[in-house]
């Protein structure tokens, strides 16, 4: 039986990660979009989309990061930071950090459980999943509804998150939706 308890968090499904010409592209981005749409439909009103944006003025280690990726120093409403799916009535949370777990998201989802999908598995997804699990929130990662910066990096990130079982559970879209 399908389990749609808790909340679906769709991490950073944005143009900057789907554009093949972007330095941040996730090559399997387009492959995961139909699965994410199915998950969004299944979770109904319990969906949060997140967005990564550049800070107005990078501080600390972020300054060096944006020295490497100056193309990304654009305002939050720049086209590259747009979501590629219409979030409809879903909440959209924007952050200048890779990880989206924090007080704002915790306030919305409470104790979870969380089901997580999105991009990039090896950056923003893992940076969201591990702090949530560390806070005691049960997290389910939909492996085939996530895309990494490469297939190898995707698999490495999944392996890392699997080390956190039973705090983090790996599943597939078919298994979650009951095939």
N, C-alpha and C. Protein backbone atom coordinates (compact mmCIF):
# COMPACT_ATOMS: atom_id res chain seq x y z
N UNK A 1 0.84 -1.19 0.00
CA UNK A 1 0.00 0.00 0.00
C UNK A 1 0.89 1.25 0.00
N UNK A 2 0.54 2.22 -0.81
CA UNK A 2 1.33 3.45 -0.92
C UNK A 2 1.26 4.25 0.38
N UNK A 3 2.37 4.87 0.73
CA UNK A 3 2.46 5.67 1.95
C UNK A 3 2.77 7.11 1.58
N UNK A 4 1.77 7.98 1.70
CA UNK A 4 1.95 9.39 1.39
C UNK A 4 1.85 10.24 2.64
N UNK A 5 2.25 9.66 3.78
CA UNK A 5 2.25 10.44 5.01
C UNK A 5 3.36 11.47 4.96
N UNK A 6 3.21 12.51 5.72
CA UNK A 6 4.24 13.54 5.77
C UNK A 6 4.22 14.44 4.55
N UNK A 7 5.39 14.92 4.20
CA UNK A 7 5.54 15.94 3.17
C UNK A 7 6.51 15.52 2.09
N UNK A 8 6.24 15.98 0.87
CA UNK A 8 7.18 15.84 -0.24
C UNK A 8 7.96 17.14 -0.35
N UNK A 9 9.27 17.05 -0.36
CA UNK A 9 10.13 18.21 -0.57
C UNK A 9 10.82 18.01 -1.92
N UNK A 10 10.53 18.91 -2.86
CA UNK A 10 11.13 18.88 -4.19
C UNK A 10 12.26 19.90 -4.18
N UNK A 11 13.48 19.38 -4.20
CA UNK A 11 14.66 20.21 -4.05
C UNK A 11 15.13 20.77 -5.39
N UNK A 12 15.09 22.09 -5.50
CA UNK A 12 15.77 22.87 -6.53
C UNK A 12 15.54 22.43 -7.98
N UNK A 13 14.31 22.21 -8.34
CA UNK A 13 13.97 21.83 -9.71
C UNK A 13 13.93 23.12 -10.55
N UNK A 14 15.12 23.65 -10.83
CA UNK A 14 15.28 24.96 -11.45
C UNK A 14 16.00 24.89 -12.78
N UNK A 15 15.80 25.93 -13.58
CA UNK A 15 16.43 26.02 -14.90
C UNK A 15 17.95 25.84 -14.85
N UNK A 16 18.59 26.41 -13.87
CA UNK A 16 20.05 26.39 -13.79
C UNK A 16 20.59 24.96 -13.71
N UNK A 17 19.77 24.03 -13.21
CA UNK A 17 20.21 22.64 -13.08
C UNK A 17 19.73 21.79 -14.25
N UNK A 18 18.79 22.30 -15.03
CA UNK A 18 18.27 21.56 -16.17
C UNK A 18 18.84 21.99 -17.51
N UNK A 19 19.39 23.18 -17.57
CA UNK A 19 19.94 23.71 -18.82
C UNK A 19 21.23 22.97 -19.16
N UNK A 20 21.26 22.28 -20.31
CA UNK A 20 22.47 21.53 -20.67
C UNK A 20 23.72 22.40 -20.81
N UNK A 21 23.54 23.71 -21.03
CA UNK A 21 24.70 24.60 -21.16
C UNK A 21 25.16 25.18 -19.83
N UNK A 22 24.46 24.88 -18.76
CA UNK A 22 24.83 25.40 -17.44
C UNK A 22 25.97 24.59 -16.84
N UNK A 23 26.91 25.27 -16.18
CA UNK A 23 27.97 24.53 -15.47
C UNK A 23 27.42 23.65 -14.35
N UNK A 24 26.18 23.89 -13.95
CA UNK A 24 25.57 23.14 -12.86
C UNK A 24 24.55 22.11 -13.35
N UNK A 25 24.56 21.80 -14.63
CA UNK A 25 23.53 20.89 -15.15
C UNK A 25 23.59 19.52 -14.49
N UNK A 26 22.41 18.96 -14.29
CA UNK A 26 22.26 17.56 -13.85
C UNK A 26 21.79 16.80 -15.08
N UNK A 27 22.66 15.99 -15.69
CA UNK A 27 22.36 15.39 -17.00
C UNK A 27 21.04 14.62 -17.08
N UNK A 28 20.57 14.05 -16.00
CA UNK A 28 19.32 13.27 -16.05
C UNK A 28 18.11 14.08 -15.55
N UNK A 29 18.28 15.39 -15.53
CA UNK A 29 17.24 16.30 -15.05
C UNK A 29 15.89 16.03 -15.71
N UNK A 30 15.86 15.99 -17.03
CA UNK A 30 14.59 15.80 -17.74
C UNK A 30 13.99 14.43 -17.47
N UNK A 31 14.82 13.42 -17.22
CA UNK A 31 14.31 12.08 -16.92
C UNK A 31 13.54 12.02 -15.61
N UNK A 32 13.95 12.83 -14.64
CA UNK A 32 13.30 12.76 -13.33
C UNK A 32 12.03 13.60 -13.25
N UNK A 33 11.87 14.55 -14.12
CA UNK A 33 10.71 15.45 -14.04
C UNK A 33 9.36 14.73 -14.07
N UNK A 34 9.13 13.76 -14.96
CA UNK A 34 7.82 13.08 -14.94
C UNK A 34 7.57 12.34 -13.61
N UNK A 35 8.62 11.78 -13.03
CA UNK A 35 8.46 11.07 -11.75
C UNK A 35 8.12 12.07 -10.65
N UNK A 36 8.77 13.21 -10.68
CA UNK A 36 8.48 14.24 -9.68
C UNK A 36 7.04 14.72 -9.81
N UNK A 37 6.59 14.90 -11.04
CA UNK A 37 5.19 15.31 -11.26
C UNK A 37 4.23 14.29 -10.64
N UNK A 38 4.52 13.01 -10.81
CA UNK A 38 3.66 11.96 -10.24
C UNK A 38 3.67 12.04 -8.71
N UNK A 39 4.84 12.27 -8.13
CA UNK A 39 4.93 12.38 -6.67
C UNK A 39 4.15 13.60 -6.17
N UNK A 40 4.31 14.72 -6.86
CA UNK A 40 3.59 15.95 -6.47
C UNK A 40 2.08 15.68 -6.48
N UNK A 41 1.60 15.03 -7.52
CA UNK A 41 0.16 14.73 -7.60
C UNK A 41 -0.26 13.82 -6.44
N UNK A 42 0.57 12.86 -6.08
CA UNK A 42 0.22 11.92 -5.02
C UNK A 42 0.20 12.58 -3.64
N UNK A 43 1.09 13.55 -3.42
CA UNK A 43 1.17 14.19 -2.10
C UNK A 43 0.18 15.35 -1.95
N UNK A 44 -0.40 15.79 -3.05
CA UNK A 44 -1.44 16.81 -2.97
C UNK A 44 -0.97 18.11 -2.34
N UNK A 45 -1.60 18.51 -1.25
CA UNK A 45 -1.30 19.79 -0.61
C UNK A 45 -0.06 19.75 0.29
N UNK A 46 0.54 18.59 0.46
CA UNK A 46 1.69 18.47 1.35
C UNK A 46 2.99 18.42 0.54
N UNK A 47 3.21 19.49 -0.24
CA UNK A 47 4.39 19.60 -1.09
C UNK A 47 5.07 20.95 -0.85
N UNK A 48 6.38 20.90 -0.74
CA UNK A 48 7.20 22.11 -0.65
C UNK A 48 8.23 22.04 -1.77
N UNK A 49 8.31 23.08 -2.57
CA UNK A 49 9.38 23.22 -3.55
C UNK A 49 10.44 24.13 -2.93
N UNK A 50 11.71 23.80 -3.16
CA UNK A 50 12.78 24.69 -2.71
C UNK A 50 13.49 25.28 -3.93
N UNK A 51 14.14 26.42 -3.68
CA UNK A 51 14.92 27.09 -4.72
C UNK A 51 16.24 27.54 -4.13
N UNK A 52 17.30 27.30 -4.86
CA UNK A 52 18.61 27.83 -4.52
C UNK A 52 18.79 29.13 -5.27
N UNK A 53 19.27 30.16 -4.57
CA UNK A 53 19.60 31.44 -5.21
C UNK A 53 20.92 31.94 -4.63
N UNK A 54 21.57 32.80 -5.38
CA UNK A 54 22.82 33.40 -4.90
C UNK A 54 22.52 34.50 -3.89
N UNK A 55 23.39 34.66 -2.91
CA UNK A 55 23.21 35.78 -1.97
C UNK A 55 23.56 37.09 -2.67
N UNK A 56 23.05 38.19 -2.15
CA UNK A 56 23.37 39.50 -2.71
C UNK A 56 24.88 39.75 -2.61
N UNK A 57 25.46 39.40 -1.48
CA UNK A 57 26.90 39.57 -1.28
C UNK A 57 27.44 38.32 -0.59
N UNK A 58 28.10 37.44 -1.35
CA UNK A 58 28.63 36.21 -0.76
C UNK A 58 29.63 36.50 0.37
N UNK A 59 29.50 35.73 1.44
CA UNK A 59 30.38 35.89 2.61
C UNK A 59 31.15 34.60 2.85
N UNK A 60 32.27 34.73 3.54
CA UNK A 60 33.05 33.56 3.94
C UNK A 60 33.46 32.71 2.74
N UNK A 61 33.35 31.39 2.88
CA UNK A 61 33.74 30.47 1.82
C UNK A 61 32.89 30.64 0.56
N UNK A 62 31.69 31.20 0.73
CA UNK A 62 30.84 31.43 -0.44
C UNK A 62 31.48 32.43 -1.41
N UNK A 63 32.29 33.35 -0.92
CA UNK A 63 32.96 34.31 -1.82
C UNK A 63 33.84 33.57 -2.83
N UNK A 64 34.62 32.61 -2.35
CA UNK A 64 35.47 31.82 -3.25
C UNK A 64 34.62 30.97 -4.19
N UNK A 65 33.52 30.46 -3.69
CA UNK A 65 32.62 29.65 -4.51
C UNK A 65 32.12 30.47 -5.70
N UNK A 66 31.66 31.68 -5.44
CA UNK A 66 31.14 32.52 -6.53
C UNK A 66 32.25 33.12 -7.38
N UNK A 67 33.48 33.14 -6.89
CA UNK A 67 34.61 33.47 -7.76
C UNK A 67 34.75 32.40 -8.84
N UNK A 68 34.46 31.16 -8.47
CA UNK A 68 34.52 30.05 -9.42
C UNK A 68 33.31 30.02 -10.35
N UNK A 69 32.15 30.45 -9.84
CA UNK A 69 30.91 30.40 -10.61
C UNK A 69 30.25 31.78 -10.68
N UNK A 70 30.93 32.77 -11.27
CA UNK A 70 30.38 34.13 -11.29
C UNK A 70 29.07 34.25 -12.08
N UNK A 71 28.83 33.34 -13.02
CA UNK A 71 27.59 33.39 -13.80
C UNK A 71 26.36 33.34 -12.88
N UNK A 72 26.51 32.73 -11.71
CA UNK A 72 25.37 32.51 -10.81
C UNK A 72 25.05 33.72 -9.94
N UNK A 73 25.90 34.72 -9.94
CA UNK A 73 25.63 35.91 -9.13
C UNK A 73 24.59 36.78 -9.81
N UNK A 74 23.38 36.31 -9.75
CA UNK A 74 22.23 36.99 -10.34
C UNK A 74 21.15 37.12 -9.27
N UNK A 75 20.24 38.05 -9.45
CA UNK A 75 19.18 38.24 -8.45
C UNK A 75 18.25 37.02 -8.39
N UNK A 76 17.57 36.84 -7.27
CA UNK A 76 16.69 35.68 -7.10
C UNK A 76 15.62 35.53 -8.17
N UNK A 77 15.21 36.64 -8.80
CA UNK A 77 14.18 36.54 -9.83
C UNK A 77 14.75 36.36 -11.24
N UNK A 78 16.06 36.10 -11.35
CA UNK A 78 16.68 35.86 -12.66
C UNK A 78 16.12 34.56 -13.26
N UNK A 79 16.02 34.50 -14.58
CA UNK A 79 15.47 33.30 -15.24
C UNK A 79 16.16 31.99 -14.83
N UNK A 80 17.48 32.02 -14.62
CA UNK A 80 18.15 30.76 -14.29
C UNK A 80 17.68 30.17 -12.97
N UNK A 81 17.11 30.98 -12.08
CA UNK A 81 16.64 30.47 -10.79
C UNK A 81 15.15 30.14 -10.77
N UNK A 82 14.48 30.24 -11.92
CA UNK A 82 13.06 29.89 -11.99
C UNK A 82 12.87 28.39 -11.83
N UNK A 83 11.76 28.02 -11.19
CA UNK A 83 11.37 26.62 -11.15
C UNK A 83 10.92 26.21 -12.55
N UNK A 84 11.17 24.96 -12.92
CA UNK A 84 10.75 24.48 -14.24
C UNK A 84 9.35 23.89 -14.22
N UNK A 85 8.81 23.68 -13.04
CA UNK A 85 7.43 23.21 -12.88
C UNK A 85 6.65 24.29 -12.15
N UNK A 86 5.39 24.44 -12.51
CA UNK A 86 4.51 25.36 -11.80
C UNK A 86 4.21 24.74 -10.44
N UNK A 87 4.58 25.40 -9.35
CA UNK A 87 4.33 24.80 -8.04
C UNK A 87 2.86 24.84 -7.63
N UNK A 88 2.03 25.53 -8.40
CA UNK A 88 0.62 25.62 -8.04
C UNK A 88 0.48 26.18 -6.63
N UNK A 89 -0.34 25.54 -5.81
CA UNK A 89 -0.55 26.05 -4.45
C UNK A 89 0.56 25.66 -3.47
N UNK A 90 1.52 24.87 -3.93
CA UNK A 90 2.59 24.41 -3.03
C UNK A 90 3.42 25.57 -2.51
N UNK A 91 3.91 25.42 -1.32
CA UNK A 91 4.81 26.40 -0.73
C UNK A 91 6.14 26.35 -1.47
N UNK A 92 6.76 27.51 -1.68
CA UNK A 92 8.09 27.58 -2.28
C UNK A 92 9.00 28.26 -1.27
N UNK A 93 10.07 27.58 -0.90
CA UNK A 93 11.04 28.15 0.03
C UNK A 93 12.35 28.37 -0.71
N UNK A 94 12.90 29.55 -0.53
CA UNK A 94 14.12 29.96 -1.21
C UNK A 94 15.23 30.12 -0.19
N UNK A 95 16.43 29.66 -0.55
CA UNK A 95 17.58 29.76 0.36
C UNK A 95 18.86 29.99 -0.44
N UNK A 96 19.82 30.60 0.21
CA UNK A 96 21.13 30.84 -0.41
C UNK A 96 22.14 29.76 -0.01
N UNK A 97 21.63 28.65 0.50
CA UNK A 97 22.48 27.54 0.91
C UNK A 97 22.09 26.28 0.14
N UNK A 98 23.04 25.35 0.02
CA UNK A 98 22.74 24.08 -0.65
C UNK A 98 21.65 23.33 0.10
N UNK A 99 21.85 23.17 1.40
CA UNK A 99 20.88 22.46 2.22
C UNK A 99 19.67 23.32 2.50
N UNK A 100 18.50 22.73 2.42
CA UNK A 100 17.27 23.48 2.65
C UNK A 100 16.65 23.16 4.01
N UNK A 101 17.22 22.19 4.74
CA UNK A 101 16.69 21.89 6.06
C UNK A 101 17.11 23.00 7.01
N UNK A 102 16.17 23.53 7.72
CA UNK A 102 16.42 24.59 8.69
C UNK A 102 15.11 24.94 9.37
N UNK A 103 15.11 25.98 10.18
CA UNK A 103 13.90 26.34 10.94
C UNK A 103 12.67 26.59 10.06
N UNK A 104 12.86 27.20 8.89
CA UNK A 104 11.71 27.51 8.03
C UNK A 104 11.04 26.24 7.52
N UNK A 105 11.84 25.31 7.01
CA UNK A 105 11.27 24.07 6.50
C UNK A 105 10.73 23.21 7.65
N UNK A 106 11.44 23.18 8.77
CA UNK A 106 10.99 22.41 9.93
C UNK A 106 9.65 22.91 10.43
N UNK A 107 9.44 24.21 10.37
CA UNK A 107 8.17 24.77 10.82
C UNK A 107 7.00 24.28 9.96
N UNK A 108 7.25 24.10 8.68
CA UNK A 108 6.20 23.65 7.77
C UNK A 108 5.94 22.15 7.93
N UNK A 109 7.00 21.35 7.94
CA UNK A 109 6.84 19.89 7.87
C UNK A 109 6.81 19.22 9.24
N UNK A 110 7.12 19.96 10.29
CA UNK A 110 7.11 19.37 11.62
C UNK A 110 8.05 18.19 11.73
N UNK A 111 7.57 17.11 12.31
CA UNK A 111 8.40 15.93 12.51
C UNK A 111 8.42 14.98 11.34
N UNK A 112 7.84 15.43 10.22
CA UNK A 112 7.89 14.61 9.01
C UNK A 112 6.83 13.53 9.03
N UNK A 113 7.06 12.45 8.36
CA UNK A 113 8.27 12.15 7.60
C UNK A 113 8.38 13.00 6.34
N UNK A 114 9.60 13.06 5.83
CA UNK A 114 9.87 13.77 4.58
C UNK A 114 10.12 12.75 3.48
N UNK A 115 9.60 13.03 2.32
CA UNK A 115 9.97 12.32 1.10
C UNK A 115 10.67 13.36 0.24
N UNK A 116 11.86 13.03 -0.23
CA UNK A 116 12.68 14.01 -0.93
C UNK A 116 12.98 13.54 -2.35
N UNK A 117 12.85 14.49 -3.30
CA UNK A 117 13.19 14.29 -4.70
C UNK A 117 13.82 15.58 -5.19
N UNK A 118 14.55 15.54 -6.29
CA UNK A 118 15.09 16.77 -6.87
C UNK A 118 16.54 16.66 -7.29
N UNK A 119 17.18 17.82 -7.34
CA UNK A 119 18.56 17.91 -7.83
C UNK A 119 19.38 18.83 -6.95
N UNK A 120 20.61 18.71 -7.01
CA UNK A 120 21.41 17.60 -7.46
C UNK A 120 21.61 16.66 -6.28
N UNK A 121 21.49 15.38 -6.57
CA UNK A 121 21.59 14.37 -5.52
C UNK A 121 22.84 14.58 -4.68
N UNK A 122 23.94 14.89 -5.34
CA UNK A 122 25.25 14.99 -4.67
C UNK A 122 25.54 16.38 -4.13
N UNK A 123 24.57 17.24 -4.10
CA UNK A 123 24.77 18.58 -3.54
C UNK A 123 23.58 18.97 -2.69
N UNK A 124 22.58 19.59 -3.30
CA UNK A 124 21.46 20.14 -2.53
C UNK A 124 20.59 19.06 -1.90
N UNK A 125 20.42 17.91 -2.55
CA UNK A 125 19.60 16.85 -1.97
C UNK A 125 20.27 16.29 -0.72
N UNK A 126 21.52 15.86 -0.85
CA UNK A 126 22.22 15.28 0.31
C UNK A 126 22.38 16.33 1.42
N UNK A 127 22.57 17.58 1.06
CA UNK A 127 22.72 18.65 2.05
C UNK A 127 21.41 18.98 2.76
N UNK A 128 20.30 18.56 2.20
CA UNK A 128 18.99 18.72 2.84
C UNK A 128 18.65 17.49 3.66
N UNK A 129 18.88 16.32 3.10
CA UNK A 129 18.50 15.06 3.73
C UNK A 129 19.25 14.81 5.04
N UNK A 130 20.56 14.94 5.01
CA UNK A 130 21.33 14.56 6.21
C UNK A 130 21.04 15.43 7.42
N UNK A 131 20.94 16.75 7.31
CA UNK A 131 20.57 17.55 8.49
C UNK A 131 19.16 17.24 9.00
N UNK A 132 18.23 16.96 8.10
CA UNK A 132 16.88 16.60 8.54
C UNK A 132 16.92 15.29 9.31
N UNK A 133 17.62 14.30 8.79
CA UNK A 133 17.74 13.02 9.49
C UNK A 133 18.44 13.21 10.82
N UNK A 134 19.47 14.02 10.84
CA UNK A 134 20.21 14.27 12.07
C UNK A 134 19.33 14.95 13.12
N UNK A 135 18.33 15.69 12.67
CA UNK A 135 17.39 16.33 13.58
C UNK A 135 16.31 15.35 14.05
N UNK A 136 16.37 14.11 13.56
CA UNK A 136 15.42 13.09 14.00
C UNK A 136 14.20 12.95 13.12
N UNK A 137 14.19 13.59 11.97
CA UNK A 137 13.06 13.49 11.05
C UNK A 137 13.28 12.28 10.14
N UNK A 138 12.30 11.37 10.06
CA UNK A 138 12.45 10.26 9.12
C UNK A 138 12.44 10.81 7.69
N UNK A 139 13.39 10.36 6.87
CA UNK A 139 13.52 10.86 5.50
C UNK A 139 13.53 9.68 4.54
N UNK A 140 12.74 9.83 3.50
CA UNK A 140 12.70 8.85 2.42
C UNK A 140 13.19 9.57 1.16
N UNK A 141 14.20 9.02 0.50
CA UNK A 141 14.75 9.61 -0.73
C UNK A 141 14.28 8.77 -1.90
N UNK A 142 13.64 9.41 -2.86
CA UNK A 142 13.15 8.71 -4.05
C UNK A 142 14.27 8.75 -5.08
N UNK A 143 15.01 7.66 -5.14
CA UNK A 143 16.27 7.62 -5.88
C UNK A 143 16.13 7.92 -7.36
N UNK A 144 15.06 7.44 -7.99
CA UNK A 144 14.89 7.66 -9.42
C UNK A 144 14.15 8.97 -9.73
N UNK A 145 13.88 9.75 -8.68
CA UNK A 145 13.30 11.09 -8.84
C UNK A 145 14.32 12.14 -8.40
N UNK A 146 15.58 11.73 -8.37
CA UNK A 146 16.71 12.63 -8.09
C UNK A 146 17.70 12.49 -9.24
N UNK A 147 18.40 13.58 -9.53
CA UNK A 147 19.43 13.56 -10.56
C UNK A 147 20.68 14.22 -10.00
N UNK A 148 21.82 13.62 -10.28
CA UNK A 148 23.08 14.15 -9.80
C UNK A 148 23.85 14.87 -10.88
N UNK A 149 25.00 15.39 -10.49
CA UNK A 149 25.86 16.08 -11.45
C UNK A 149 26.46 15.10 -12.47
N UNK A 150 26.42 13.82 -12.13
CA UNK A 150 26.78 12.72 -13.04
C UNK A 150 26.17 11.46 -12.45
N UNK A 151 26.13 10.40 -13.23
CA UNK A 151 25.59 9.14 -12.70
C UNK A 151 26.43 8.63 -11.53
N UNK A 152 27.76 8.73 -11.66
CA UNK A 152 28.63 8.27 -10.57
C UNK A 152 28.42 9.07 -9.30
N UNK A 153 28.31 10.39 -9.41
CA UNK A 153 28.12 11.22 -8.23
C UNK A 153 26.74 10.97 -7.61
N UNK A 154 25.74 10.74 -8.44
CA UNK A 154 24.40 10.38 -7.96
C UNK A 154 24.49 9.11 -7.11
N UNK A 155 25.14 8.09 -7.64
CA UNK A 155 25.26 6.81 -6.93
C UNK A 155 26.05 6.97 -5.63
N UNK A 156 27.11 7.75 -5.66
CA UNK A 156 27.90 7.98 -4.43
C UNK A 156 27.07 8.67 -3.36
N UNK A 157 26.29 9.65 -3.76
CA UNK A 157 25.45 10.37 -2.80
C UNK A 157 24.38 9.44 -2.22
N UNK A 158 23.79 8.59 -3.07
CA UNK A 158 22.81 7.63 -2.57
C UNK A 158 23.45 6.67 -1.58
N UNK A 159 24.65 6.21 -1.90
CA UNK A 159 25.38 5.32 -0.98
C UNK A 159 25.61 6.01 0.36
N UNK A 160 26.04 7.25 0.33
CA UNK A 160 26.26 8.01 1.56
C UNK A 160 24.97 8.11 2.37
N UNK A 161 23.88 8.47 1.73
CA UNK A 161 22.61 8.62 2.46
C UNK A 161 22.13 7.27 3.00
N UNK A 162 22.38 6.19 2.26
CA UNK A 162 21.98 4.86 2.71
C UNK A 162 22.72 4.45 3.98
N UNK A 163 23.90 5.01 4.21
CA UNK A 163 24.65 4.73 5.44
C UNK A 163 23.90 5.23 6.67
N UNK A 164 22.95 6.12 6.49
CA UNK A 164 22.19 6.70 7.60
C UNK A 164 20.92 5.91 7.93
N UNK A 165 20.71 4.77 7.28
CA UNK A 165 19.55 3.94 7.58
C UNK A 165 19.61 3.54 9.06
N UNK A 166 18.50 3.51 9.75
CA UNK A 166 17.13 3.67 9.27
C UNK A 166 16.62 5.10 9.30
N UNK A 167 17.49 6.08 9.61
CA UNK A 167 17.05 7.47 9.59
C UNK A 167 16.67 7.91 8.18
N UNK A 168 17.40 7.37 7.20
CA UNK A 168 17.15 7.67 5.79
C UNK A 168 16.84 6.36 5.09
N UNK A 169 15.74 6.36 4.36
CA UNK A 169 15.34 5.19 3.58
C UNK A 169 15.41 5.55 2.11
N UNK A 170 15.97 4.67 1.31
CA UNK A 170 15.99 4.86 -0.14
C UNK A 170 14.85 4.05 -0.75
N UNK A 171 14.15 4.65 -1.69
CA UNK A 171 13.03 3.98 -2.36
C UNK A 171 13.00 4.45 -3.81
N UNK A 172 12.07 3.90 -4.57
CA UNK A 172 11.88 4.32 -5.96
C UNK A 172 10.46 4.87 -6.11
N UNK A 173 10.23 5.54 -7.20
CA UNK A 173 8.89 6.06 -7.48
C UNK A 173 7.88 4.93 -7.53
N UNK A 174 8.21 3.87 -8.25
CA UNK A 174 7.27 2.74 -8.38
C UNK A 174 6.96 2.12 -7.03
N UNK A 175 7.99 1.92 -6.20
CA UNK A 175 7.74 1.31 -4.89
C UNK A 175 6.89 2.25 -4.02
N UNK A 176 7.17 3.53 -4.07
CA UNK A 176 6.41 4.48 -3.26
C UNK A 176 4.96 4.59 -3.72
N UNK A 177 4.76 4.61 -5.02
CA UNK A 177 3.41 4.77 -5.56
C UNK A 177 2.65 3.45 -5.63
N UNK A 178 3.29 2.38 -5.19
CA UNK A 178 2.62 1.09 -5.18
C UNK A 178 2.57 0.42 -6.53
N UNK A 179 3.56 0.69 -7.33
CA UNK A 179 3.69 0.12 -8.68
C UNK A 179 2.39 0.29 -9.43
